[in-house]
């Protein structure tokens, strides 16, 4: 049986795990002496560790921290560039681990922790962080599924390229001619890179009025409105029962009232009152 055609069938068969398909691809790439593809298979099987990752392993999410009074609330950085940087993560776990995550959670969201060093460098100066509100990145389960599908598709496309170049293999072996043909075909995995970036000099705000005061002022929010929001946020940590419900409603109404001037910031502030 042709090794390459067998690999194609495996890649198209959704009942076969991506881990199993990867191992088959590893066998084929090793026998064809395709070092680059072999190394890629090794990284996908064993994980990237601290190495940079391909583009399909970059995910985007929402950074939140758990407030004992308000539940999960968004983390707002002092500038949009830093906000974007902390909202992206490079996923370096082995494919088998990602498959386990996906199978253990059929829908909804997954939580990604930040490396300890990054936590302290980025958030260490935040009062909220020092009080135990640890930021995490919340991503959709579908993004992890997309990583697995990207790996499966890359293997399928690679096997099709081999077939087009007359490289099929038989009985777990390839001829010298097939090895030469395979070495002449190029296949690009994509530029590898990591994501977190340099946000060491940015400040983080978690439900903290002082942290967004300047942004509200720049957005043209009147002093009276800014004072009202500050009072609501000051009162919420101690409020319970009907009083807390009333403050949440006031906060939501405040966001609606000032939404046009707030722009993109309105979504993050709104989540403080949900």
Protein backbone atom coordinates (compact mmCIF):
# COMPACT_ATOMS: atom_id res chain seq x y z
CA UNK A 1 0.00 0.00 0.00
CA UNK A 2 1.22 3.50 -0.83
CA UNK A 3 2.47 5.32 2.26
CA UNK A 4 1.48 8.71 0.87
CA UNK A 5 -2.03 7.64 -0.16
CA UNK A 6 -2.50 6.01 3.23
CA UNK A 7 -1.50 9.30 4.85
CA UNK A 8 -4.03 11.15 2.67
CA UNK A 9 -6.81 8.82 3.76
CA UNK A 10 -5.86 9.28 7.40
CA UNK A 11 -5.82 13.08 7.07
CA UNK A 12 -9.30 13.07 5.49
CA UNK A 13 -10.73 10.67 8.08
CA UNK A 14 -12.15 12.75 10.95
CA UNK A 15 -12.40 9.62 13.10
CA UNK A 16 -8.60 9.50 13.23
CA UNK A 17 -7.04 11.85 15.74
CA UNK A 18 -4.68 14.56 14.56
CA UNK A 19 -2.03 12.97 16.82
CA UNK A 20 -2.26 9.71 14.86
CA UNK A 21 -2.14 11.55 11.53
CA UNK A 22 0.93 13.46 12.72
CA UNK A 23 2.76 10.26 13.63
CA UNK A 24 2.10 8.89 10.14
CA UNK A 25 3.38 12.14 8.64
CA UNK A 26 6.47 11.90 10.84
CA UNK A 27 7.22 8.43 9.46
CA UNK A 28 6.84 9.61 5.86
CA UNK A 29 8.92 12.77 6.30
CA UNK A 30 11.67 10.84 8.10
CA UNK A 31 11.90 8.20 5.37
CA UNK A 32 11.99 10.93 2.72
CA UNK A 33 14.71 12.77 4.69
CA UNK A 34 12.67 15.98 4.69
CA UNK A 35 14.22 17.55 7.77
CA UNK A 36 12.08 20.70 7.89
CA UNK A 37 8.79 18.83 7.75
CA UNK A 38 10.09 16.21 10.16
CA UNK A 39 11.02 18.92 12.67
CA UNK A 40 7.59 20.51 12.28
CA UNK A 41 5.93 17.15 13.03
CA UNK A 42 8.15 16.73 16.10
CA UNK A 43 7.15 20.17 17.39
CA UNK A 44 3.45 19.49 16.88
CA UNK A 45 3.69 16.11 18.61
CA UNK A 46 5.89 17.19 21.53
CA UNK A 47 5.01 20.86 21.86
CA UNK A 48 6.88 24.05 21.04
CA UNK A 49 8.09 24.81 24.55
CA UNK A 50 9.64 28.27 24.48
CA UNK A 51 10.10 28.21 20.70
CA UNK A 52 8.16 30.44 18.33
CA UNK A 53 5.04 29.02 16.72
CA UNK A 54 3.42 29.07 13.25
CA UNK A 55 0.71 31.70 12.54
CA UNK A 56 -2.17 29.24 12.94
CA UNK A 57 -1.20 28.77 16.60
CA UNK A 58 -1.84 32.41 17.48
CA UNK A 59 -5.19 32.92 19.24
CA UNK A 60 -7.09 36.04 20.26
CA UNK A 61 -9.18 36.39 23.36
CA UNK A 62 -10.36 38.65 26.15
CA UNK A 63 -8.16 39.30 29.17
CA UNK A 64 -10.19 39.17 32.38
CA UNK A 65 -9.58 38.95 36.12
CA UNK A 66 -11.86 37.57 38.82
CA UNK A 67 -13.18 40.17 41.21
CA UNK A 68 -14.70 38.61 44.38
CA UNK A 69 -17.53 41.16 44.23
CA UNK A 70 -18.12 41.58 40.49
CA UNK A 71 -17.06 38.20 39.09
CA UNK A 72 -15.09 38.14 35.85
CA UNK A 73 -14.31 41.66 34.63
CA UNK A 74 -12.18 42.85 31.69
CA UNK A 75 -8.62 44.03 32.08
CA UNK A 76 -8.01 47.37 30.35
CA UNK A 77 -4.48 48.46 29.44
CA UNK A 78 -3.46 52.10 29.28
CA UNK A 79 -2.97 52.03 25.49
CA UNK A 80 -4.56 50.13 22.61
CA UNK A 81 -1.30 48.62 21.38
CA UNK A 82 -0.64 46.95 24.74
CA UNK A 83 -4.28 45.84 24.89
CA UNK A 84 -3.90 44.07 21.57
CA UNK A 85 -0.61 42.46 22.58
CA UNK A 86 -1.93 40.91 25.79
CA UNK A 87 -5.07 39.72 23.99
CA UNK A 88 -3.01 37.49 21.69
CA UNK A 89 -1.25 34.32 22.76
CA UNK A 90 0.99 31.78 21.12
CA UNK A 91 -0.32 28.28 21.85
CA UNK A 92 2.63 25.92 22.19
CA UNK A 93 1.06 22.81 23.74
CA UNK A 94 1.40 19.42 22.01
CA UNK A 95 -1.43 18.45 19.68
CA UNK A 96 -2.42 15.60 22.00
CA UNK A 97 -2.94 18.04 24.86
CA UNK A 98 -5.04 20.33 22.66
CA UNK A 99 -7.18 17.37 21.59
CA UNK A 100 -7.76 16.52 25.25
CA UNK A 101 -8.82 20.11 25.99
CA UNK A 102 -11.28 20.10 23.09
CA UNK A 103 -12.76 16.71 23.97
CA UNK A 104 -13.20 17.64 27.64
CA UNK A 105 -15.17 20.79 26.78
CA UNK A 106 -17.75 20.39 24.03
CA UNK A 107 -18.61 24.09 23.83
CA UNK A 108 -17.97 27.46 25.41
CA UNK A 109 -14.64 29.00 26.32
CA UNK A 110 -11.21 27.95 27.55
CA UNK A 111 -8.93 29.76 29.97
CA UNK A 112 -5.25 30.37 29.28
CA UNK A 113 -2.95 31.45 32.07
CA UNK A 114 -0.05 33.82 31.49
CA UNK A 115 3.51 32.66 32.22
CA UNK A 116 4.53 33.71 35.74
CA UNK A 117 7.34 35.93 34.47
CA UNK A 118 5.00 37.72 32.06
CA UNK A 119 2.37 38.17 34.77
CA UNK A 120 4.75 40.02 37.06
CA UNK A 121 6.38 42.05 34.29
CA UNK A 122 3.10 43.21 32.77
CA UNK A 123 0.70 43.33 35.71
CA UNK A 124 2.99 43.44 38.74
CA UNK A 125 2.53 47.16 39.42
CA UNK A 126 -1.26 46.93 39.35
CA UNK A 127 -2.97 47.29 42.73
CA UNK A 128 -5.66 44.84 41.60
CA UNK A 129 -3.03 42.23 40.77
CA UNK A 130 -1.35 42.70 44.13
CA UNK A 131 -4.73 42.09 45.79
CA UNK A 132 -4.97 38.69 44.12
CA UNK A 133 -6.95 39.46 40.96
CA UNK A 134 -4.90 37.39 38.50
CA UNK A 135 -5.55 38.12 34.80
CA UNK A 136 -6.15 35.23 32.40
CA UNK A 137 -6.93 35.06 28.69
CA UNK A 138 -10.34 33.66 27.79
CA UNK A 139 -10.57 32.20 24.28
CA UNK A 140 -13.25 30.38 22.32
CA UNK A 141 -12.99 26.59 22.13
CA UNK A 142 -13.36 26.94 18.36
CA UNK A 143 -9.93 28.57 18.14
CA UNK A 144 -8.27 25.44 19.51
CA UNK A 145 -10.31 23.32 17.09
CA UNK A 146 -9.01 25.55 14.29
CA UNK A 147 -5.41 24.81 15.31
CA UNK A 148 -6.04 21.07 15.07
CA UNK A 149 -7.77 21.44 11.71
CA UNK A 150 -4.89 23.57 10.41
CA UNK A 151 -2.43 20.79 11.27
CA UNK A 152 -4.62 18.17 9.61
CA UNK A 153 -5.02 20.29 6.47
CA UNK A 154 -1.30 21.02 6.20
CA UNK A 155 -0.53 17.31 6.29
CA UNK A 156 -3.21 16.61 3.68
CA UNK A 157 -1.91 19.34 1.35
CA UNK A 158 1.66 18.14 1.84
CA UNK A 159 0.70 14.58 0.94
CA UNK A 160 -1.11 15.84 -2.18
CA UNK A 161 2.03 17.73 -3.21
CA UNK A 162 4.07 14.55 -2.79
CA UNK A 163 1.61 12.62 -4.96
CA UNK A 164 1.69 15.30 -7.66
CA UNK A 165 5.47 14.97 -7.73
CA UNK A 166 5.27 11.20 -8.19
CA UNK A 167 6.25 10.36 -4.61
CA UNK A 168 4.03 7.55 -3.32
CA UNK A 169 6.10 4.96 -1.45
CA UNK A 170 5.36 1.27 -1.15
CA UNK A 171 5.66 -1.21 1.73
CA UNK A 172 7.03 1.41 4.13
CA UNK A 173 9.84 2.38 1.75
CA UNK A 174 10.61 5.00 -0.89
CA UNK A 175 12.91 4.62 -3.88
CA UNK A 176 16.00 6.81 -4.26
CA UNK A 177 14.26 8.58 -7.13
CA UNK A 178 11.25 9.37 -4.91
CA UNK A 179 13.51 10.74 -2.17
CA UNK A 180 15.16 13.04 -4.72
CA UNK A 181 11.79 14.20 -6.09
CA UNK A 182 10.53 14.92 -2.59
CA UNK A 183 13.58 17.01 -1.73
CA UNK A 184 12.95 19.19 -4.77
CA UNK A 185 9.39 20.07 -3.74
CA UNK A 186 8.91 23.02 -1.41
CA UNK A 187 6.21 23.31 1.21
CA UNK A 188 5.89 26.33 3.46
CA UNK A 189 4.60 25.92 7.01
CA UNK A 190 4.61 29.69 7.57
CA UNK A 191 6.79 32.14 9.42
CA UNK A 192 7.20 31.18 13.06
CA UNK A 193 6.70 33.83 15.71
CA UNK A 194 5.67 34.38 19.31
CA UNK A 195 3.23 36.83 20.86
CA UNK A 196 3.20 38.83 24.06
CA UNK A 197 5.34 41.75 23.05
CA UNK A 198 6.90 44.43 25.20
CA UNK A 199 4.22 45.89 27.44
CA UNK A 200 6.41 46.36 30.48
CA UNK A 201 5.72 50.08 30.77
CA UNK A 202 1.94 49.91 30.48
CA UNK A 203 -0.50 50.11 33.36
CA UNK A 204 -3.44 47.76 33.83
CA UNK A 205 -6.87 48.59 35.19
CA UNK A 206 -9.37 46.05 36.49
CA UNK A 207 -12.62 47.79 37.41
CA UNK A 208 -10.52 50.74 38.56
CA UNK A 209 -11.82 54.25 37.84
CA UNK A 210 -8.44 55.90 38.36
CA UNK A 211 -7.00 53.75 35.61
CA UNK A 212 -9.47 54.98 32.98
CA UNK A 213 -9.95 58.57 34.15
CA UNK A 214 -7.66 60.03 31.49
CA UNK A 215 -9.32 57.96 28.77
CA UNK A 216 -12.76 59.23 29.77
CA UNK A 217 -11.50 62.80 29.77
CA UNK A 218 -9.89 62.38 26.35
CA UNK A 219 -13.14 60.91 25.03
CA UNK A 220 -14.98 64.07 26.06
CA UNK A 221 -17.02 62.57 28.91
CA UNK A 222 -18.33 65.50 31.04
CA UNK A 223 -17.02 65.93 34.60
CA UNK A 224 -20.46 65.19 36.07
CA UNK A 225 -20.64 61.87 34.22
CA UNK A 226 -17.10 60.93 35.23
CA UNK A 227 -17.90 61.66 38.87
CA UNK A 228 -20.99 59.47 38.70
CA UNK A 229 -19.07 56.50 37.32
CA UNK A 230 -16.38 56.94 39.96
CA UNK A 231 -19.00 56.89 42.71
CA UNK A 232 -20.66 53.76 41.32
CA UNK A 233 -17.34 51.90 41.15
CA UNK A 234 -16.38 53.04 44.64
CA UNK A 235 -19.68 51.80 46.10
CA UNK A 236 -19.90 48.44 44.33
CA UNK A 237 -17.31 46.43 46.31
CA UNK A 238 -19.27 46.88 49.57
CA UNK A 239 -22.78 46.70 48.10
CA UNK A 240 -24.97 43.61 48.46
CA UNK A 241 -28.48 42.50 47.55
CA UNK A 242 -30.84 45.14 46.14
CA UNK A 243 -28.24 47.89 46.58
CA UNK A 244 -25.75 46.03 44.42
CA UNK A 245 -28.42 45.30 41.79
CA UNK A 246 -29.28 49.00 41.70
CA UNK A 247 -25.63 50.00 41.23
CA UNK A 248 -25.20 47.48 38.42
CA UNK A 249 -28.25 48.95 36.67
CA UNK A 250 -26.91 52.49 37.16
CA UNK A 251 -23.57 51.46 35.69
CA UNK A 252 -25.18 49.82 32.66
CA UNK A 253 -27.33 52.91 32.10
CA UNK A 254 -24.22 55.10 32.38
CA UNK A 255 -22.52 53.13 29.60
CA UNK A 256 -25.56 53.42 27.33
CA UNK A 257 -25.82 57.14 27.99
CA UNK A 258 -22.16 57.77 27.15
CA UNK A 259 -21.68 55.00 24.61
CA UNK A 260 -21.26 57.22 21.57
CA UNK A 261 -18.33 59.13 23.08
CA UNK A 262 -16.79 56.04 24.67
CA UNK A 263 -16.50 54.17 21.39
CA UNK A 264 -14.64 50.86 21.75
CA UNK A 265 -14.10 51.49 25.47
CA UNK A 266 -17.84 51.13 26.13
CA UNK A 267 -17.78 47.35 25.65
CA UNK A 268 -15.09 46.81 28.28
CA UNK A 269 -16.73 49.11 30.85
CA UNK A 270 -20.12 47.55 30.20
CA UNK A 271 -18.77 44.15 31.23
CA UNK A 272 -18.05 45.54 34.70
CA UNK A 273 -21.79 45.76 35.22
CA UNK A 274 -22.87 42.39 33.81
